[in-house]
Amino acid sequence: MATEQPPDGRDEADLGAIAEKHGQKIPWVWDTKRPNRVGFFPRAGGAVTWITVPPSYISHTLNSYDDGGDIVVDYVEFPAPFSADQLSTSAPPALVRWTIDRARRRVRRTRLDDRPQEFPRVPDARVSRKHRYGYTAAAADFLKAYGHGSTPDSAFGNGLVKHDLATGRSQFHRFPKHASASEAVFVPRSGARAEDDGYVLSYVHNPDRNASDLVILAAQDFTGKPIAQIHLPSRIPLGLHGSWIAGT
C-alpha cells in the first residue's frame, strides 16, 4: 500500500507552516480539488499502481491480505470531507472493507459495522494473512477529541466489540456504565489452534477509583465475566496502542 504525495508537491514542513499560519493544531489539510487514490505495488518491488477510490479518511487499519487476485483491506473510516483540526465530518467512524481488484483496477467498498468504533486489532499471528476475527473499542464522542493529543475518557465507550467476519456477526462486551475501554489486544493461549483461542486484554478506566484496570477476557466467552481485573494504582491514558510480549 502507498499514499499520495501532499497536494502540489508540498512536503510535510510546508503543510505544517500552513496549518500554523491558520491556527490549526495539526498539519492535515483536506484538499477537495484532488481525488482520493490508493496505491499498491509488489512486495518484491516495482511500480506503484494507483486506483481512484471514493473519498474518505482512513484512521486505523484492522488488517490487509491477498485473496486470489484481490487485496482485502479492513479499516476504520471517517466519511469525507474530514477536517482533522475542526473535527468536521458527516458521521462517526465505522468499520469498512475495501476489496481491491488488481486486474480491473477498481475497488468495492463494503460497510462491515455501522457502530462508532476505533482502534481495530486482529491477533498478531494474522497480520497480513486472512483473518476471521477482529476486535474494536466502542467510541462515543470521539470526533470531539480526534487528533488533539490528549484524548479524554468521554471519547470512548464502555465496551469492546468482537467481529466474526466469516459470519458477519459480532459480540459486545459491556463494562459498567461510566467506564471507558481502550484498544483490545489479543493474546493466544499456549497451544491454541483456533484463531480466537486466547484472551483479550484492555485498559479500562474505572471512574469510581479514578484509575485504570487491566481487564482480561476469554476471547471465546467474550460476553462473559472477565477472567481477571488487575487494579492499577493510577490512570493509564486511553488512546494508546499496545502489544503483548510473552515472557521467556
C-alpha atoms as a PDB file:
ATOM      1  CA  MET A   1       0.000   0.000   0.000  1.00  0.00           C
ATOM      2  CA  ALA A   2       1.157   3.554  -0.639  1.00  0.00           C
ATOM      3  CA  THR A   3      -0.053   7.076  -0.037  1.00  0.00           C
ATOM      4  CA  GLU A   4      -0.105  10.062  -2.318  1.00  0.00           C
ATOM      5  CA  GLN A   5       2.275  12.972  -2.065  1.00  0.00           C
ATOM      6  CA  PRO A   6       0.869  16.127  -0.433  1.00  0.00           C
ATOM      7  CA  PRO A   7      -1.030  18.410  -2.859  1.00  0.00           C
ATOM      8  CA  ASP A   8       1.021  20.481  -5.299  1.00  0.00           C
ATOM      9  CA  GLY A   9       4.251  18.782  -4.270  1.00  0.00           C
ATOM     10  CA  ARG A  10       4.333  20.399  -0.844  1.00  0.00           C
ATOM     11  CA  ASP A  11       6.115  18.434   1.865  1.00  0.00           C
ATOM     12  CA  GLU A  12       5.065  17.967   5.485  1.00  0.00           C
ATOM     13  CA  ALA A  13       7.060  21.005   6.617  1.00  0.00           C
ATOM     14  CA  ASP A  14       5.148  23.197   4.137  1.00  0.00           C
ATOM     15  CA  LEU A  15       1.812  21.832   5.337  1.00  0.00           C
ATOM     16  CA  GLY A  16       2.864  22.375   8.940  1.00  0.00           C
ATOM     17  CA  ALA A  17       3.666  26.009   8.243  1.00  0.00           C
ATOM     18  CA  ILE A  18       0.321  26.494   6.502  1.00  0.00           C
ATOM     19  CA  ALA A  19      -1.529  24.897   9.387  1.00  0.00           C
ATOM     20  CA  GLU A  20       0.310  27.029  11.964  1.00  0.00           C
ATOM     21  CA  LYS A  21      -0.440  30.192   9.999  1.00  0.00           C
ATOM     22  CA  HIS A  22      -4.156  29.418  10.105  1.00  0.00           C
ATOM     23  CA  GLY A  23      -4.109  28.490  13.783  1.00  0.00           C
ATOM     24  CA  GLN A  24      -4.549  24.772  13.203  1.00  0.00           C
ATOM     25  CA  LYS A  25      -3.159  22.356  15.787  1.00  0.00           C
ATOM     26  CA  ILE A  26      -2.159  19.625  13.348  1.00  0.00           C
ATOM     27  CA  PRO A  27      -0.972  19.922   9.727  1.00  0.00           C
ATOM     28  CA  TRP A  28      -3.543  17.741   7.982  1.00  0.00           C
ATOM     29  CA  VAL A  29      -5.254  19.510   5.128  1.00  0.00           C
ATOM     30  CA  TRP A  30      -8.180  18.093   3.152  1.00  0.00           C
ATOM     31  CA  ASP A  31      -7.976  19.156  -0.496  1.00  0.00           C
ATOM     32  CA  THR A  32     -11.412  18.775  -2.115  1.00  0.00           C
ATOM     33  CA  LYS A  33      -9.926  19.529  -5.543  1.00  0.00           C
ATOM     34  CA  ARG A  34      -7.933  16.313  -5.635  1.00  0.00           C
ATOM     35  CA  PRO A  35      -9.316  12.758  -5.800  1.00  0.00           C
ATOM     36  CA  ASN A  36      -8.555  10.061  -3.252  1.00  0.00           C
ATOM     37  CA  ARG A  37      -6.327   7.292  -4.557  1.00  0.00           C
ATOM     38  CA  VAL A  38      -4.942   4.041  -3.196  1.00  0.00           C
ATOM     39  CA  GLY A  39      -1.702   2.568  -4.462  1.00  0.00           C
ATOM     40  CA  PHE A  40      -0.278  -0.940  -4.338  1.00  0.00           C
ATOM     41  CA  PHE A  41       2.939  -2.490  -5.523  1.00  0.00           C
ATOM     42  CA  PRO A  42       4.605  -5.937  -5.444  1.00  0.00           C
ATOM     43  CA  ARG A  43       6.323  -6.955  -2.198  1.00  0.00           C
ATOM     44  CA  ALA A  44       9.456  -7.685  -4.212  1.00  0.00           C
ATOM     45  CA  GLY A  45       9.436  -4.165  -5.609  1.00  0.00           C
ATOM     46  CA  GLY A  46       8.151  -2.495  -8.750  1.00  0.00           C
ATOM     47  CA  ALA A  47       5.956   0.330  -9.925  1.00  0.00           C
ATOM     48  CA  VAL A  48       3.006   1.606  -7.899  1.00  0.00           C
ATOM     49  CA  THR A  49      -0.455   1.080  -9.379  1.00  0.00           C
ATOM     50  CA  TRP A  50      -2.849   3.883  -8.450  1.00  0.00           C
ATOM     51  CA  ILE A  51      -6.637   3.493  -8.269  1.00  0.00           C
ATOM     52  CA  THR A  52      -9.140   6.258  -7.628  1.00  0.00           C
ATOM     53  CA  VAL A  53     -11.374   5.446  -4.643  1.00  0.00           C
ATOM     54  CA  PRO A  54     -14.408   7.113  -3.042  1.00  0.00           C
ATOM     55  CA  PRO A  55     -13.263   9.960  -0.764  1.00  0.00           C
ATOM     56  CA  SER A  56     -12.891   9.070   2.918  1.00  0.00           C
ATOM     57  CA  TYR A  57     -10.435   9.429   5.770  1.00  0.00           C
ATOM     58  CA  ILE A  58      -8.755   6.202   6.855  1.00  0.00           C
ATOM     59  CA  SER A  59      -7.953   6.187  10.553  1.00  0.00           C
ATOM     60  CA  HIS A  60      -6.587   2.807  11.713  1.00  0.00           C
ATOM     61  CA  THR A  61      -6.269  -0.411   9.707  1.00  0.00           C
ATOM     62  CA  LEU A  62      -7.576  -3.701  11.080  1.00  0.00           C
ATOM     63  CA  ASN A  63      -5.682  -5.870   8.590  1.00  0.00           C
ATOM     64  CA  SER A  64      -4.918  -6.412   4.915  1.00  0.00           C
ATOM     65  CA  TYR A  65      -4.234  -9.573   2.927  1.00  0.00           C
ATOM     66  CA  ASP A  66      -4.149 -11.084  -0.556  1.00  0.00           C
ATOM     67  CA  ASP A  67      -7.243 -13.030  -1.625  1.00  0.00           C
ATOM     68  CA  GLY A  68      -6.587 -14.526  -5.051  1.00  0.00           C
ATOM     69  CA  GLY A  69      -6.345 -11.608  -7.437  1.00  0.00           C
ATOM     70  CA  ASP A  70      -7.786  -9.191  -4.879  1.00  0.00           C
ATOM     71  CA  ILE A  71      -6.362  -7.245  -1.961  1.00  0.00           C
ATOM     72  CA  VAL A  72      -8.659  -7.008   1.068  1.00  0.00           C
ATOM     73  CA  VAL A  73      -8.267  -4.074   3.441  1.00  0.00           C
ATOM     74  CA  ASP A  74     -10.373  -3.739   6.614  1.00  0.00           C
ATOM     75  CA  TYR A  75     -10.130  -0.378   8.351  1.00  0.00           C
ATOM     76  CA  VAL A  76     -11.878   2.336  10.377  1.00  0.00           C
ATOM     77  CA  GLU A  77     -13.252   5.086   8.175  1.00  0.00           C
ATOM     78  CA  PHE A  78     -14.394   8.652   8.736  1.00  0.00           C
ATOM     79  CA  PRO A  79     -16.591   9.939   5.882  1.00  0.00           C
ATOM     80  CA  ALA A  80     -15.215  12.747   3.738  1.00  0.00           C
ATOM     81  CA  PRO A  81     -14.541  15.562   3.843  1.00  0.00           C
ATOM     82  CA  PHE A  82     -12.671  15.180   7.111  1.00  0.00           C
ATOM     83  CA  SER A  83     -11.061  18.148   8.835  1.00  0.00           C
ATOM     84  CA  ALA A  84      -8.686  16.849  11.488  1.00  0.00           C
ATOM     85  CA  ASP A  85      -8.379  20.244  13.139  1.00  0.00           C
ATOM     86  CA  GLN A  86     -12.051  21.183  13.109  1.00  0.00           C
ATOM     87  CA  LEU A  87     -13.234  17.606  13.527  1.00  0.00           C
ATOM     88  CA  SER A  88     -15.745  18.108  10.779  1.00  0.00           C
ATOM     89  CA  THR A  89     -17.256  15.009   9.206  1.00  0.00           C
ATOM     90  CA  SER A  90     -20.725  13.768   8.408  1.00  0.00           C
ATOM     91  CA  ALA A  91     -20.692  10.617  10.574  1.00  0.00           C
ATOM     92  CA  PRO A  92     -18.709   8.858  13.312  1.00  0.00           C
ATOM     93  CA  PRO A  93     -16.039   6.239  12.478  1.00  0.00           C
ATOM     94  CA  ALA A  94     -17.232   2.832  11.276  1.00  0.00           C
ATOM     95  CA  LEU A  95     -15.638  -0.442  10.192  1.00  0.00           C
ATOM     96  CA  VAL A  96     -15.289  -0.720   6.415  1.00  0.00           C
ATOM     97  CA  ARG A  97     -13.758  -3.162   3.906  1.00  0.00           C
ATOM     98  CA  TRP A  98     -12.100  -2.419   0.596  1.00  0.00           C
ATOM     99  CA  THR A  99     -11.785  -5.261  -1.905  1.00  0.00           C
ATOM    100  CA  ILE A 100      -9.238  -4.095  -4.469  1.00  0.00           C
ATOM    101  CA  ASP A 101      -9.492  -5.829  -7.833  1.00  0.00           C
ATOM    102  CA  ARG A 102      -5.954  -5.552  -9.150  1.00  0.00           C
ATOM    103  CA  ALA A 103      -6.766  -6.729 -12.675  1.00  0.00           C
ATOM    104  CA  ARG A 104      -9.706  -4.382 -13.274  1.00  0.00           C
ATOM    105  CA  ARG A 105      -8.194  -1.615 -11.157  1.00  0.00           C
ATOM    106  CA  ARG A 106     -11.280  -0.879  -9.155  1.00  0.00           C
ATOM    107  CA  VAL A 107     -12.381  -1.033  -5.529  1.00  0.00           C
ATOM    108  CA  ARG A 108     -15.547  -2.443  -3.974  1.00  0.00           C
ATOM    109  CA  ARG A 109     -16.420  -0.839  -0.651  1.00  0.00           C
ATOM    110  CA  THR A 110     -18.425  -2.772   1.979  1.00  0.00           C
ATOM    111  CA  ARG A 111     -19.586  -1.351   5.298  1.00  0.00           C
ATOM    112  CA  LEU A 112     -18.929  -4.080   7.872  1.00  0.00           C
ATOM    113  CA  ASP A 113     -20.307  -2.406  11.002  1.00  0.00           C
ATOM    114  CA  ASP A 114     -22.040   0.962  11.414  1.00  0.00           C
ATOM    115  CA  ARG A 115     -21.446   1.385  15.139  1.00  0.00           C
ATOM    116  CA  PRO A 116     -18.987   4.109  16.214  1.00  0.00           C
ATOM    117  CA  GLN A 117     -15.693   2.324  16.918  1.00  0.00           C
ATOM    118  CA  GLU A 118     -11.939   2.731  16.779  1.00  0.00           C
ATOM    119  CA  PHE A 119      -8.591   1.011  17.420  1.00  0.00           C
ATOM    120  CA  PRO A 120      -9.186  -2.190  15.408  1.00  0.00           C
ATOM    121  CA  ARG A 121      -6.915  -5.170  16.077  1.00  0.00           C
ATOM    122  CA  VAL A 122      -6.503  -8.721  14.831  1.00  0.00           C
ATOM    123  CA  PRO A 123      -4.375 -11.402  16.510  1.00  0.00           C
ATOM    124  CA  ASP A 124      -0.760 -10.610  15.677  1.00  0.00           C
ATOM    125  CA  ALA A 125      -0.372 -14.019  14.007  1.00  0.00           C
ATOM    126  CA  ARG A 126      -2.995 -12.995  11.415  1.00  0.00           C
ATOM    127  CA  VAL A 127      -1.401  -9.697  10.361  1.00  0.00           C
ATOM    128  CA  SER A 128      -1.155  -9.644   6.525  1.00  0.00           C
ATOM    129  CA  ARG A 129      -2.978 -13.001   6.434  1.00  0.00           C
ATOM    130  CA  LYS A 130      -6.672 -13.725   6.002  1.00  0.00           C
ATOM    131  CA  HIS A 131      -8.412 -13.215   9.331  1.00  0.00           C
ATOM    132  CA  ARG A 132     -11.780 -14.240  10.711  1.00  0.00           C
ATOM    133  CA  TYR A 133     -11.887 -12.259  13.938  1.00  0.00           C
ATOM    134  CA  GLY A 134     -11.236  -8.627  14.740  1.00  0.00           C
ATOM    135  CA  TYR A 135     -11.632  -6.539  17.887  1.00  0.00           C
ATOM    136  CA  THR A 136     -12.520  -2.850  18.250  1.00  0.00           C
ATOM    137  CA  ALA A 137     -13.184  -0.364  21.032  1.00  0.00           C
ATOM    138  CA  ALA A 138     -16.591   1.293  21.116  1.00  0.00           C
ATOM    139  CA  ALA A 139     -16.360   5.038  20.516  1.00  0.00           C
ATOM    140  CA  ALA A 140     -18.598   7.743  21.938  1.00  0.00           C
ATOM    141  CA  ASP A 141     -17.807  11.419  21.274  1.00  0.00           C
ATOM    142  CA  PHE A 142     -14.577  10.504  19.523  1.00  0.00           C
ATOM    143  CA  LEU A 143     -14.874  13.292  16.962  1.00  0.00           C
ATOM    144  CA  LYS A 144     -14.581  15.877  19.735  1.00  0.00           C
ATOM    145  CA  ALA A 145     -11.094  14.710  20.599  1.00  0.00           C
ATOM    146  CA  TYR A 146      -9.584  13.186  17.461  1.00  0.00           C
ATOM    147  CA  GLY A 147      -6.111  14.427  16.618  1.00  0.00           C
ATOM    148  CA  HIS A 148      -5.723  16.752  19.579  1.00  0.00           C
ATOM    149  CA  GLY A 149      -3.164  14.846  21.613  1.00  0.00           C
ATOM    150  CA  SER A 150      -4.691  14.036  24.988  1.00  0.00           C
ATOM    151  CA  THR A 151      -7.888  12.088  24.387  1.00  0.00           C
ATOM    152  CA  PRO A 152     -10.457  12.322  27.203  1.00  0.00           C
ATOM    153  CA  ASP A 153     -12.204   9.240  28.519  1.00  0.00           C
ATOM    154  CA  SER A 154     -15.500  10.629  27.221  1.00  0.00           C
ATOM    155  CA  ALA A 155     -14.292   9.938  23.683  1.00  0.00           C
ATOM    156  CA  PHE A 156     -14.519   6.216  24.349  1.00  0.00           C
ATOM    157  CA  GLY A 157     -17.455   3.933  25.019  1.00  0.00           C
ATOM    158  CA  ASN A 158     -17.863   1.382  27.765  1.00  0.00           C
ATOM    159  CA  GLY A 159     -17.459  -1.689  25.607  1.00  0.00           C
ATOM    160  CA  LEU A 160     -15.416  -3.818  23.232  1.00  0.00           C
ATOM    161  CA  VAL A 161     -16.626  -5.494  20.037  1.00  0.00           C
ATOM    162  CA  LYS A 162     -15.591  -8.893  18.707  1.00  0.00           C
ATOM    163  CA  HIS A 163     -16.259  -9.191  14.976  1.00  0.00           C
ATOM    164  CA  ASP A 164     -16.728 -12.538  13.244  1.00  0.00           C
ATOM    165  CA  LEU A 165     -16.074 -11.539   9.643  1.00  0.00           C
ATOM    166  CA  ALA A 166     -16.827 -15.026   8.346  1.00  0.00           C
ATOM    167  CA  THR A 167     -20.457 -14.961   9.573  1.00  0.00           C
ATOM    168  CA  GLY A 168     -20.995 -11.200   9.765  1.00  0.00           C
ATOM    169  CA  ARG A 169     -21.965 -11.489  13.422  1.00  0.00           C
ATOM    170  CA  SER A 170     -20.475  -9.660  16.380  1.00  0.00           C
ATOM    171  CA  GLN A 171     -20.438  -9.778  20.171  1.00  0.00           C
ATOM    172  CA  PHE A 172     -20.333  -6.824  22.540  1.00  0.00           C
ATOM    173  CA  HIS A 173     -18.724  -6.899  25.969  1.00  0.00           C
ATOM    174  CA  ARG A 174     -20.201  -4.121  28.067  1.00  0.00           C
ATOM    175  CA  PHE A 175     -18.357  -2.696  31.063  1.00  0.00           C
ATOM    176  CA  PRO A 176     -20.019  -0.636  33.845  1.00  0.00           C
ATOM    177  CA  LYS A 177     -21.982   2.386  32.659  1.00  0.00           C
ATOM    178  CA  HIS A 178     -19.355   5.094  33.115  1.00  0.00           C
ATOM    179  CA  ALA A 179     -16.273   3.003  32.358  1.00  0.00           C
ATOM    180  CA  SER A 180     -14.147   3.673  29.271  1.00  0.00           C
ATOM    181  CA  ALA A 181     -12.462   0.848  27.360  1.00  0.00           C
ATOM    182  CA  SER A 182      -9.421   1.318  25.140  1.00  0.00           C
ATOM    183  CA  GLU A 183      -7.754  -0.828  22.475  1.00  0.00           C
ATOM    184  CA  ALA A 184      -8.173  -4.604  22.745  1.00  0.00           C
ATOM    185  CA  VAL A 185      -5.049  -6.755  22.432  1.00  0.00           C
ATOM    186  CA  PHE A 186      -5.396 -10.473  21.701  1.00  0.00           C
ATOM    187  CA  VAL A 187      -3.096 -12.947  23.473  1.00  0.00           C
ATOM    188  CA  PRO A 188      -3.160 -16.567  22.221  1.00  0.00           C
ATOM    189  CA  ARG A 189      -3.494 -19.370  24.737  1.00  0.00           C
ATOM    190  CA  SER A 190      -0.498 -21.666  24.970  1.00  0.00           C
ATOM    191  CA  GLY A 191      -1.071 -24.480  22.482  1.00  0.00           C
ATOM    192  CA  ALA A 192      -4.004 -22.698  20.835  1.00  0.00           C
ATOM    193  CA  ARG A 193      -5.190 -23.910  17.452  1.00  0.00           C
ATOM    194  CA  ALA A 194      -8.277 -21.784  16.829  1.00  0.00           C
ATOM    195  CA  GLU A 195      -7.814 -18.144  15.817  1.00  0.00           C
ATOM    196  CA  ASP A 196      -9.812 -16.898  18.831  1.00  0.00           C
ATOM    197  CA  ASP A 197      -8.455 -19.393  21.376  1.00  0.00           C
ATOM    198  CA  GLY A 198      -6.946 -16.970  23.850  1.00  0.00           C
ATOM    199  CA  TYR A 199      -7.533 -13.799  25.797  1.00  0.00           C
ATOM    200  CA  VAL A 200      -8.411 -10.169  25.122  1.00  0.00           C
ATOM    201  CA  LEU A 201      -6.670  -7.518  27.221  1.00  0.00           C
ATOM    202  CA  SER A 202      -7.737  -3.900  27.540  1.00  0.00           C
ATOM    203  CA  TYR A 203      -7.124  -0.929  29.779  1.00  0.00           C
ATOM    204  CA  VAL A 204     -10.471   0.160  31.216  1.00  0.00           C
ATOM    205  CA  HIS A 205     -10.783   3.420  33.105  1.00  0.00           C
ATOM    206  CA  ASN A 206     -12.657   2.939  36.394  1.00  0.00           C
ATOM    207  CA  PRO A 207     -14.249   6.284  37.337  1.00  0.00           C
ATOM    208  CA  ASP A 208     -15.031   5.119  40.867  1.00  0.00           C
ATOM    209  CA  ARG A 209     -11.299   4.729  41.577  1.00  0.00           C
ATOM    210  CA  ASN A 210     -10.146   7.383  39.100  1.00  0.00           C
ATOM    211  CA  ALA A 211      -7.656   4.777  37.958  1.00  0.00           C
ATOM    212  CA  SER A 212      -7.370   2.038  35.357  1.00  0.00           C
ATOM    213  CA  ASP A 213      -7.975  -1.696  35.426  1.00  0.00           C
ATOM    214  CA  LEU A 214      -6.237  -4.146  33.129  1.00  0.00           C
ATOM    215  CA  VAL A 215      -9.185  -6.356  32.202  1.00  0.00           C
ATOM    216  CA  ILE A 216      -8.669  -9.868  30.814  1.00  0.00           C
ATOM    217  CA  LEU A 217     -11.500 -11.528  28.861  1.00  0.00           C
ATOM    218  CA  ALA A 218     -11.749 -15.044  27.444  1.00  0.00           C
ATOM    219  CA  ALA A 219     -11.982 -14.448  23.701  1.00  0.00           C
ATOM    220  CA  GLN A 220     -14.257 -17.478  23.197  1.00  0.00           C
ATOM    221  CA  ASP A 221     -16.544 -16.312  26.022  1.00  0.00           C
ATOM    222  CA  PHE A 222     -16.407 -12.683  25.022  1.00  0.00           C
ATOM    223  CA  THR A 223     -19.629 -11.526  26.661  1.00  0.00           C
ATOM    224  CA  GLY A 224     -18.952 -13.428  29.884  1.00  0.00           C
ATOM    225  CA  LYS A 225     -17.451 -12.092  33.088  1.00  0.00           C
ATOM    226  CA  PRO A 226     -13.783 -11.086  32.947  1.00  0.00           C
ATOM    227  CA  ILE A 227     -11.294 -13.778  33.895  1.00  0.00           C
ATOM    228  CA  ALA A 228      -9.342 -11.203  35.878  1.00  0.00           C
ATOM    229  CA  GLN A 229      -9.145  -7.491  36.627  1.00  0.00           C
ATOM    230  CA  ILE A 230      -5.826  -6.038  37.733  1.00  0.00           C
ATOM    231  CA  HIS A 231      -6.371  -2.793  39.627  1.00  0.00           C
ATOM    232  CA  LEU A 232      -3.603  -0.400  38.631  1.00  0.00           C
ATOM    233  CA  PRO A 233      -2.599   2.391  41.025  1.00  0.00           C
ATOM    234  CA  SER A 234      -3.114   5.221  38.527  1.00  0.00           C
ATOM    235  CA  ARG A 235      -4.866   6.171  35.318  1.00  0.00           C
ATOM    236  CA  ILE A 236      -3.464   4.862  32.019  1.00  0.00           C
ATOM    237  CA  PRO A 237      -4.266   7.391  29.266  1.00  0.00           C
ATOM    238  CA  LEU A 238      -6.684   5.899  26.761  1.00  0.00           C
ATOM    239  CA  GLY A 239      -5.976   6.108  23.061  1.00  0.00           C
ATOM    240  CA  LEU A 240      -2.584   4.413  23.229  1.00  0.00           C
ATOM    241  CA  HIS A 241      -1.567   1.343  21.239  1.00  0.00           C
ATOM    242  CA  GLY A 242      -0.127  -1.733  22.898  1.00  0.00           C
ATOM    243  CA  SER A 243       1.282  -5.172  22.185  1.00  0.00           C
ATOM    244  CA  TRP A 244       1.668  -8.352  24.183  1.00  0.00           C
ATOM    245  CA  ILE A 245       5.181  -9.743  24.643  1.00  0.00           C
ATOM    246  CA  ALA A 246       5.295 -13.229  26.139  1.00  0.00           C
ATOM    247  CA  GLY A 247       7.759 -13.878  28.970  1.00  0.00           C
ATOM    248  CA  THR A 248      10.728 -16.157  28.422  1.00  0.00           C
END
